[in-house]
C-alpha atoms as a PDB file:
ATOM      1  CA  MET A   1     110.123 140.625  28.576  1.00  0.00           C
ATOM      2  CA  ASN A   2     113.734 140.483  27.011  1.00  0.00           C
ATOM      3  CA  ARG A   3     116.718 142.762  27.224  1.00  0.00           C
ATOM      4  CA  ARG A   4     115.375 145.104  24.473  1.00  0.00           C
ATOM      5  CA  ASP A   5     112.269 145.566  26.290  1.00  0.00           C
ATOM      6  CA  MET A   6     114.213 146.663  29.362  1.00  0.00           C
ATOM      7  CA  LEU A   7     112.520 149.816  30.585  1.00  0.00           C
ATOM      8  CA  LYS A   8     108.861 148.986  29.678  1.00  0.00           C
ATOM      9  CA  VAL A   9     107.443 150.547  32.830  1.00  0.00           C
ATOM     10  CA  THR A  10     105.897 154.041  32.888  1.00  0.00           C
ATOM     11  CA  GLY A  11     104.741 155.360  29.570  1.00  0.00           C
ATOM     12  CA  ALA A  12     105.976 156.570  26.089  1.00  0.00           C
ATOM     13  CA  ALA A  13     108.670 159.313  26.148  1.00  0.00           C
ATOM     14  CA  ILE A  14     109.037 162.236  23.690  1.00  0.00           C
ATOM     15  CA  ALA A  15     108.535 161.771  19.962  1.00  0.00           C
ATOM     16  CA  GLY A  16     106.837 158.544  20.118  1.00  0.00           C
ATOM     17  CA  THR A  17     109.856 156.677  21.404  1.00  0.00           C
ATOM     18  CA  SER A  18     109.739 154.859  24.609  1.00  0.00           C
ATOM     19  CA  ILE A  19     111.929 154.297  27.547  1.00  0.00           C
ATOM     20  CA  PHE A  20     109.490 152.470  29.502  1.00  0.00           C
ATOM     21  CA  GLY A  21     107.098 151.372  26.843  1.00  0.00           C
ATOM     22  CA  PRO A  22     103.270 151.504  27.035  1.00  0.00           C
ATOM     23  CA  ARG A  23     102.793 149.036  29.801  1.00  0.00           C
ATOM     24  CA  ALA A  24     102.921 151.008  32.955  1.00  0.00           C
ATOM     25  CA  LEU A  25     104.117 149.293  36.293  1.00  0.00           C
ATOM     26  CA  ALA A  26     104.113 145.714  37.067  1.00  0.00           C
ATOM     27  CA  GLY A  27     100.654 145.852  38.450  1.00  0.00           C
ATOM     28  CA  ASN A  28      99.288 146.617  35.234  1.00  0.00           C
ATOM     29  CA  THR A  29     101.009 144.034  33.302  1.00  0.00           C
ATOM     30  CA  PRO A  30      98.747 141.147  32.593  1.00  0.00           C
ATOM     31  CA  GLU A  31      99.620 138.027  34.567  1.00  0.00           C
ATOM     32  CA  SER A  32     100.180 136.031  31.433  1.00  0.00           C
ATOM     33  CA  GLU A  33     102.886 138.572  30.243  1.00  0.00           C
ATOM     34  CA  THR A  34     104.584 138.531  33.599  1.00  0.00           C
ATOM     35  CA  PRO A  35     108.404 137.620  32.999  1.00  0.00           C
ATOM     36  CA  SER A  36     109.546 134.871  35.070  1.00  0.00           C
ATOM     37  CA  LYS A  37     112.751 136.815  35.582  1.00  0.00           C
ATOM     38  CA  MET A  38     112.716 140.540  35.856  1.00  0.00           C
ATOM     39  CA  PRO A  39     115.449 142.567  34.354  1.00  0.00           C
ATOM     40  CA  LYS A  40     118.578 143.444  36.158  1.00  0.00           C
ATOM     41  CA  VAL A  41     119.733 147.062  36.459  1.00  0.00           C
ATOM     42  CA  LEU A  42     123.150 148.744  37.388  1.00  0.00           C
ATOM     43  CA  VAL A  43     123.249 152.337  38.339  1.00  0.00           C
ATOM     44  CA  ILE A  44     126.976 153.356  38.221  1.00  0.00           C
ATOM     45  CA  GLY A  45     127.768 156.837  39.740  1.00  0.00           C
ATOM     46  CA  ALA A  46     131.085 158.385  40.484  1.00  0.00           C
ATOM     47  CA  HIS A  47     130.522 159.285  43.928  1.00  0.00           C
ATOM     48  CA  PRO A  48     128.081 158.701  46.868  1.00  0.00           C
ATOM     49  CA  ASP A  49     124.786 160.698  46.112  1.00  0.00           C
ATOM     50  CA  ASP A  50     125.227 160.785  42.397  1.00  0.00           C
ATOM     51  CA  PRO A  51     122.954 157.751  41.740  1.00  0.00           C
ATOM     52  CA  GLU A  52     120.365 159.030  44.380  1.00  0.00           C
ATOM     53  CA  THR A  53     120.041 162.676  43.086  1.00  0.00           C
ATOM     54  CA  CYS A  54     120.314 161.836  39.399  1.00  0.00           C
ATOM     55  CA  CYS A  55     118.450 158.647  39.116  1.00  0.00           C
ATOM     56  CA  GLY A  56     116.878 158.004  42.605  1.00  0.00           C
ATOM     57  CA  GLY A  57     113.277 158.180  41.479  1.00  0.00           C
ATOM     58  CA  THR A  58     114.007 155.720  38.678  1.00  0.00           C
ATOM     59  CA  ILE A  59     115.864 153.403  40.951  1.00  0.00           C
ATOM     60  CA  ILE A  60     112.793 153.381  43.364  1.00  0.00           C
ATOM     61  CA  THR A  61     110.332 152.953  40.703  1.00  0.00           C
ATOM     62  CA  LEU A  62     112.035 149.989  39.115  1.00  0.00           C
ATOM     63  CA  LYS A  63     112.619 148.437  42.402  1.00  0.00           C
ATOM     64  CA  ASN A  64     109.099 148.616  43.241  1.00  0.00           C
ATOM     65  CA  ALA A  65     108.143 147.097  39.893  1.00  0.00           C
ATOM     66  CA  GLY A  66     110.265 143.977  40.643  1.00  0.00           C
ATOM     67  CA  TYR A  67     113.428 144.817  38.957  1.00  0.00           C
ATOM     68  CA  ASP A  68     116.777 143.621  40.384  1.00  0.00           C
ATOM     69  CA  VAL A  69     118.520 147.076  40.888  1.00  0.00           C
ATOM     70  CA  VAL A  70     122.008 147.472  42.203  1.00  0.00           C
ATOM     71  CA  VAL A  71     123.834 150.795  42.762  1.00  0.00           C
ATOM     72  CA  VAL A  72     127.335 150.999  42.323  1.00  0.00           C
ATOM     73  CA  TYR A  73     129.768 153.890  43.546  1.00  0.00           C
ATOM     74  CA  MET A  74     132.875 154.285  41.550  1.00  0.00           C
ATOM     75  CA  THR A  75     134.542 156.086  44.643  1.00  0.00           C
ATOM     76  CA  ARG A  76     133.618 156.450  48.193  1.00  0.00           C
ATOM     77  CA  GLY A  77     133.616 160.259  48.078  1.00  0.00           C
ATOM     78  CA  GLN A  78     137.128 160.516  49.979  1.00  0.00           C
ATOM     79  CA  SER A  79     137.767 164.017  49.079  1.00  0.00           C
ATOM     80  CA  GLY A  80     134.234 165.397  49.549  1.00  0.00           C
ATOM     81  CA  ILE A  81     134.343 166.644  53.330  1.00  0.00           C
ATOM     82  CA  SER A  82     136.334 169.801  54.010  1.00  0.00           C
ATOM     83  CA  GLY A  83     138.666 169.281  57.011  1.00  0.00           C
ATOM     84  CA  LYS A  84     138.419 165.461  57.075  1.00  0.00           C
ATOM     85  CA  SER A  85     141.112 162.996  55.809  1.00  0.00           C
ATOM     86  CA  LYS A  86     140.286 160.925  52.918  1.00  0.00           C
ATOM     87  CA  GLU A  87     139.998 157.904  55.228  1.00  0.00           C
ATOM     88  CA  GLU A  88     137.493 159.668  57.461  1.00  0.00           C
ATOM     89  CA  ALA A  89     135.483 161.161  54.651  1.00  0.00           C
ATOM     90  CA  GLY A  90     135.287 157.903  52.849  1.00  0.00           C
ATOM     91  CA  ALA A  91     133.865 156.053  55.886  1.00  0.00           C
ATOM     92  CA  ILE A  92     131.203 158.897  56.375  1.00  0.00           C
ATOM     93  CA  ARG A  93     130.017 159.062  52.797  1.00  0.00           C
ATOM     94  CA  THR A  94     130.064 155.123  52.579  1.00  0.00           C
ATOM     95  CA  GLN A  95     127.711 154.969  55.579  1.00  0.00           C
ATOM     96  CA  GLU A  96     125.605 157.747  54.047  1.00  0.00           C
ATOM     97  CA  SER A  97     125.456 155.692  50.891  1.00  0.00           C
ATOM     98  CA  LEU A  98     124.484 152.498  52.885  1.00  0.00           C
ATOM     99  CA  ASN A  99     121.826 154.486  54.706  1.00  0.00           C
ATOM    100  CA  ALA A 100     120.338 155.797  51.110  1.00  0.00           C
ATOM    101  CA  CYS A 101     120.251 152.561  49.604  1.00  0.00           C
ATOM    102  CA  GLU A 102     118.385 151.169  52.506  1.00  0.00           C
ATOM    103  CA  ILE A 103     115.761 153.514  52.045  1.00  0.00           C
ATOM    104  CA  MET A 104     115.695 152.876  48.469  1.00  0.00           C
ATOM    105  CA  GLY A 105     115.676 148.877  49.083  1.00  0.00           C
ATOM    106  CA  VAL A 106     118.562 148.130  46.892  1.00  0.00           C
ATOM    107  CA  ARG A 107     122.086 146.660  47.054  1.00  0.00           C
ATOM    108  CA  SER A 108     125.146 148.886  46.794  1.00  0.00           C
ATOM    109  CA  ILE A 109     128.575 148.035  45.464  1.00  0.00           C
ATOM    110  CA  PHE A 110     131.758 150.154  46.025  1.00  0.00           C
ATOM    111  CA  MET A 111     134.671 150.574  43.630  1.00  0.00           C
ATOM    112  CA  SER A 112     138.318 151.105  44.235  1.00  0.00           C
ATOM    113  CA  GLN A 113     138.727 154.720  42.632  1.00  0.00           C
ATOM    114  CA  ILE A 114     139.500 157.678  44.621  1.00  0.00           C
ATOM    115  CA  ASP A 115     137.348 160.621  44.560  1.00  0.00           C
ATOM    116  CA  GLY A 116     139.190 163.573  42.756  1.00  0.00           C
ATOM    117  CA  TYR A 117     141.912 161.300  41.575  1.00  0.00           C
ATOM    118  CA  SER A 118     139.963 158.906  39.432  1.00  0.00           C
ATOM    119  CA  GLU A 119     141.775 157.425  36.497  1.00  0.00           C
ATOM    120  CA  ILE A 120     141.276 155.928  33.020  1.00  0.00           C
ATOM    121  CA  ASN A 121     143.816 153.225  32.395  1.00  0.00           C
ATOM    122  CA  VAL A 122     143.870 149.417  31.580  1.00  0.00           C
ATOM    123  CA  GLU A 123     143.313 148.597  35.093  1.00  0.00           C
ATOM    124  CA  LYS A 124     140.438 150.692  35.655  1.00  0.00           C
ATOM    125  CA  TYR A 125     138.944 149.515  32.352  1.00  0.00           C
ATOM    126  CA  ASP A 126     139.353 146.102  33.482  1.00  0.00           C
ATOM    127  CA  GLU A 127     137.791 146.571  36.770  1.00  0.00           C
ATOM    128  CA  MET A 128     134.889 148.058  35.389  1.00  0.00           C
ATOM    129  CA  ARG A 129     134.299 145.525  32.814  1.00  0.00           C
ATOM    130  CA  GLY A 130     134.863 142.928  35.240  1.00  0.00           C
ATOM    131  CA  LEU A 131     132.224 144.249  37.596  1.00  0.00           C
ATOM    132  CA  ILE A 132     129.730 144.567  34.582  1.00  0.00           C
ATOM    133  CA  ILE A 133     130.445 140.859  33.664  1.00  0.00           C
ATOM    134  CA  GLN A 134     129.981 139.613  37.291  1.00  0.00           C
ATOM    135  CA  GLU A 135     126.592 141.614  37.684  1.00  0.00           C
ATOM    136  CA  ASN A 136     125.476 140.792  34.261  1.00  0.00           C
ATOM    137  CA  PRO A 137     122.952 143.613  33.999  1.00  0.00           C
ATOM    138  CA  ASP A 138     120.320 144.010  31.494  1.00  0.00           C
ATOM    139  CA  ILE A 139     120.319 147.786  31.730  1.00  0.00           C
ATOM    140  CA  VAL A 140     123.051 150.076  32.997  1.00  0.00           C
ATOM    141  CA  PHE A 141     122.708 153.816  33.888  1.00  0.00           C
ATOM    142  CA  THR A 142     125.610 156.149  34.320  1.00  0.00           C
ATOM    143  CA  HIS A 143     126.853 159.732  33.843  1.00  0.00           C
ATOM    144  CA  TRP A 144     126.403 161.565  30.538  1.00  0.00           C
ATOM    145  CA  THR A 145     130.106 161.736  29.017  1.00  0.00           C
ATOM    146  CA  LEU A 146     130.179 165.321  28.397  1.00  0.00           C
ATOM    147  CA  ASP A 147     130.460 166.714  31.954  1.00  0.00           C
ATOM    148  CA  LEU A 148     132.734 169.433  33.628  1.00  0.00           C
ATOM    149  CA  HIS A 149     133.253 167.076  36.631  1.00  0.00           C
ATOM    150  CA  ARG A 150     136.306 164.897  36.008  1.00  0.00           C
ATOM    151  CA  ASP A 151     135.278 161.945  38.016  1.00  0.00           C
ATOM    152  CA  HIS A 152     131.786 162.002  36.294  1.00  0.00           C
ATOM    153  CA  ARG A 153     133.554 161.818  32.733  1.00  0.00           C
ATOM    154  CA  VAL A 154     135.925 159.167  33.924  1.00  0.00           C
ATOM    155  CA  CYS A 155     132.887 157.013  35.140  1.00  0.00           C
ATOM    156  CA  SER A 156     131.085 157.508  32.036  1.00  0.00           C
ATOM    157  CA  CYS A 157     133.911 156.634  29.642  1.00  0.00           C
ATOM    158  CA  LEU A 158     134.707 153.522  31.764  1.00  0.00           C
ATOM    159  CA  VAL A 159     131.142 152.254  31.349  1.00  0.00           C
ATOM    160  CA  LEU A 160     130.975 153.249  27.816  1.00  0.00           C
ATOM    161  CA  GLU A 161     134.181 151.187  26.982  1.00  0.00           C
ATOM    162  CA  ALA A 162     132.609 148.159  28.792  1.00  0.00           C
ATOM    163  CA  TRP A 163     129.442 148.481  26.606  1.00  0.00           C
ATOM    164  CA  LYS A 164     131.574 148.473  23.550  1.00  0.00           C
ATOM    165  CA  ARG A 165     133.805 145.599  24.712  1.00  0.00           C
ATOM    166  CA  LEU A 166     130.838 143.420  25.933  1.00  0.00           C
ATOM    167  CA  LYS A 167     129.413 143.806  22.329  1.00  0.00           C
ATOM    168  CA  TYR A 168     126.673 146.073  23.339  1.00  0.00           C
ATOM    169  CA  LYS A 169     124.684 143.275  25.243  1.00  0.00           C
ATOM    170  CA  PHE A 170     123.090 145.632  27.838  1.00  0.00           C
ATOM    171  CA  ASP A 171     121.084 148.788  27.213  1.00  0.00           C
ATOM    172  CA  LEU A 172     122.969 151.857  28.040  1.00  0.00           C
ATOM    173  CA  TYR A 173     121.355 155.041  29.750  1.00  0.00           C
ATOM    174  CA  PHE A 174     122.979 158.355  30.515  1.00  0.00           C
ATOM    175  CA  PHE A 175     121.682 160.523  33.518  1.00  0.00           C
ATOM    176  CA  GLU A 176     122.216 164.275  34.175  1.00  0.00           C
ATOM    177  CA  PRO A 177     124.008 165.490  37.099  1.00  0.00           C
ATOM    178  CA  MET A 178     123.242 169.214  37.816  1.00  0.00           C
ATOM    179  CA  THR A 179     122.697 169.893  34.079  1.00  0.00           C
ATOM    180  CA  GLY A 180     124.296 173.353  33.135  1.00  0.00           C
ATOM    181  CA  ALA A 181     126.656 173.292  35.865  1.00  0.00           C
ATOM    182  CA  GLN A 182     127.981 169.827  35.342  1.00  0.00           C
ATOM    183  CA  ALA A 183     126.297 167.927  32.408  1.00  0.00           C
ATOM    184  CA  GLN A 184     126.482 169.989  29.131  1.00  0.00           C
ATOM    185  CA  LEU A 185     124.285 169.720  26.254  1.00  0.00           C
ATOM    186  CA  PHE A 186     122.119 167.088  27.601  1.00  0.00           C
ATOM    187  CA  ASN A 187     119.219 166.403  25.181  1.00  0.00           C
ATOM    188  CA  PRO A 188     117.004 163.596  26.740  1.00  0.00           C
ATOM    189  CA  THR A 189     115.540 160.893  24.841  1.00  0.00           C
ATOM    190  CA  ASP A 190     113.674 159.423  27.370  1.00  0.00           C
ATOM    191  CA  TYR A 191     111.716 160.195  30.629  1.00  0.00           C
ATOM    192  CA  ILE A 192     110.514 158.415  33.843  1.00  0.00           C
ATOM    193  CA  ASP A 193     107.765 159.975  35.801  1.00  0.00           C
ATOM    194  CA  ILE A 194     108.785 160.028  39.466  1.00  0.00           C
ATOM    195  CA  THR A 195     105.914 162.039  40.972  1.00  0.00           C
ATOM    196  CA  ASP A 196     104.734 159.047  43.274  1.00  0.00           C
ATOM    197  CA  VAL A 197     108.279 158.228  44.488  1.00  0.00           C
ATOM    198  CA  ALA A 198     109.685 161.965  44.706  1.00  0.00           C
ATOM    199  CA  GLU A 199     109.278 162.120  48.562  1.00  0.00           C
ATOM    200  CA  GLN A 200     111.187 158.672  48.884  1.00  0.00           C
ATOM    201  CA  LYS A 201     113.904 159.783  46.541  1.00  0.00           C
ATOM    202  CA  ARG A 202     114.392 162.859  48.693  1.00  0.00           C
ATOM    203  CA  LYS A 203     114.602 160.976  51.987  1.00  0.00           C
ATOM    204  CA  ALA A 204     117.301 158.794  50.330  1.00  0.00           C
ATOM    205  CA  CYS A 205     119.143 162.106  49.082  1.00  0.00           C
ATOM    206  CA  ASP A 206     118.812 163.457  52.537  1.00  0.00           C
ATOM    207  CA  CYS A 207     120.856 160.679  54.026  1.00  0.00           C
ATOM    208  CA  HIS A 208     123.985 162.458  52.514  1.00  0.00           C
ATOM    209  CA  VAL A 209     124.204 164.809  55.275  1.00  0.00           C
ATOM    210  CA  SER A 210     128.011 165.659  54.874  1.00  0.00           C
ATOM    211  CA  GLN A 211     127.134 167.212  51.401  1.00  0.00           C
ATOM    212  CA  GLY A 212     124.609 169.976  52.612  1.00  0.00           C
ATOM    213  CA  MET A 213     121.963 168.212  50.611  1.00  0.00           C
ATOM    214  CA  ASP A 214     119.272 170.379  51.804  1.00  0.00           C
ATOM    215  CA  HIS A 215     120.647 173.280  49.891  1.00  0.00           C
ATOM    216  CA  ILE A 216     121.803 171.320  46.910  1.00  0.00           C
ATOM    217  CA  TYR A 217     118.672 169.694  46.487  1.00  0.00           C
ATOM    218  CA  SER A 218     116.480 172.589  46.764  1.00  0.00           C
ATOM    219  CA  ASP A 219     118.606 174.699  44.391  1.00  0.00           C
ATOM    220  CA  TRP A 220     119.450 172.187  41.736  1.00  0.00           C
ATOM    221  CA  HIS A 221     117.467 168.719  41.736  1.00  0.00           C
ATOM    222  CA  GLU A 222     114.144 169.778  42.613  1.00  0.00           C
ATOM    223  CA  HIS A 223     114.134 172.346  39.779  1.00  0.00           C
ATOM    224  CA  MET A 224     115.418 169.720  37.490  1.00  0.00           C
ATOM    225  CA  GLU A 225     112.744 167.123  38.422  1.00  0.00           C
ATOM    226  CA  ARG A 226     109.880 169.775  37.865  1.00  0.00           C
ATOM    227  CA  PHE A 227     111.449 170.987  34.653  1.00  0.00           C
ATOM    228  CA  ARG A 228     111.897 167.432  33.196  1.00  0.00           C
ATOM    229  CA  GLY A 229     108.253 166.905  34.591  1.00  0.00           C
ATOM    230  CA  CYS A 230     106.993 169.835  32.467  1.00  0.00           C
ATOM    231  CA  GLU A 231     108.717 168.260  29.411  1.00  0.00           C
ATOM    232  CA  PHE A 232     106.908 164.941  30.083  1.00  0.00           C
ATOM    233  CA  HIS A 233     103.577 166.448  31.192  1.00  0.00           C
ATOM    234  CA  CYS A 234     103.837 165.215  34.829  1.00  0.00           C
ATOM    235  CA  GLN A 235     104.559 166.890  38.165  1.00  0.00           C
ATOM    236  CA  ARG A 236     108.116 165.527  38.474  1.00  0.00           C
ATOM    237  CA  ALA A 237     110.446 163.341  36.102  1.00  0.00           C
ATOM    238  CA  GLU A 238     113.930 162.118  35.434  1.00  0.00           C
ATOM    239  CA  ALA A 239     115.482 162.391  31.988  1.00  0.00           C
ATOM    240  CA  PHE A 240     117.991 160.221  30.382  1.00  0.00           C
ATOM    241  CA  VAL A 241     119.872 159.732  26.988  1.00  0.00           C
ATOM    242  CA  HIS A 242     119.436 156.280  25.614  1.00  0.00           C
ATOM    243  CA  LEU A 243     122.632 155.316  23.573  1.00  0.00           C
ATOM    244  CA  ARG A 244     121.281 152.984  20.724  1.00  0.00           C
ATOM    245  CA  ARG A 245     123.676 151.053  18.487  1.00  0.00           C
ATOM    246  CA  THR A 246     122.608 151.123  14.949  1.00  0.00           C
ATOM    247  CA  GLY A 247     123.763 149.355  11.936  1.00  0.00           C
ATOM    248  CA  SER A 248     125.783 152.257  11.038  1.00  0.00           C
ATOM    249  CA  ASP A 249     127.818 152.454  14.345  1.00  0.00           C
ATOM    250  CA  ILE A 250     131.524 152.151  13.977  1.00  0.00           C
ATOM    251  CA  LEU A 251     132.260 151.629  17.499  1.00  0.00           C
END
């Protein structure tokens, strides 16, 4: 399995294209075809709970299949708890993220941006590119660029620029935060069936107690999982846009 085989894990996506190819999970791959080194995946979210709610089922699925998965938080959610200082909120939400990553069985990294005050400048471009160079992923998941939340847009643009500057060396997938309210015009190219890990994903999301996750999850993410599942002919799914570079690209 090489970089371009990336997500060959759970079956074909719509229109004959495949995010995770025809060979389902690791246990179904013939021993002779098992790679000596599984691909590395970065999931880069703007805030604590973004990777979990948008991509948690995929994180767990890939981890269970033997992939090396790392969750990256661009901020520590410093502006995300009413009545708390940025320092207090950041500490609370950092711990919630660590608890969620423990449930998903993955490593976490926290970047230097401040929730609600994220920036796009040379320093922040360099920070994102440097982190990606250091981790050397085969696959990156991040926010869809057309999003009504500024921090989400910033995170997406920083990753997109790194992908360009690093000569498209990793596969880039976008996930959808609260489509309609946040992500706009999100038209998936690929899906992952998360039916078997939906309960574990929910437990990871529930670690974010400070965010009223029970209400948010029930009103938004559960409906999205079921809707994407209907599109992919399963009970629950997560959906992605795969940005493919072709010979006609001018980036």
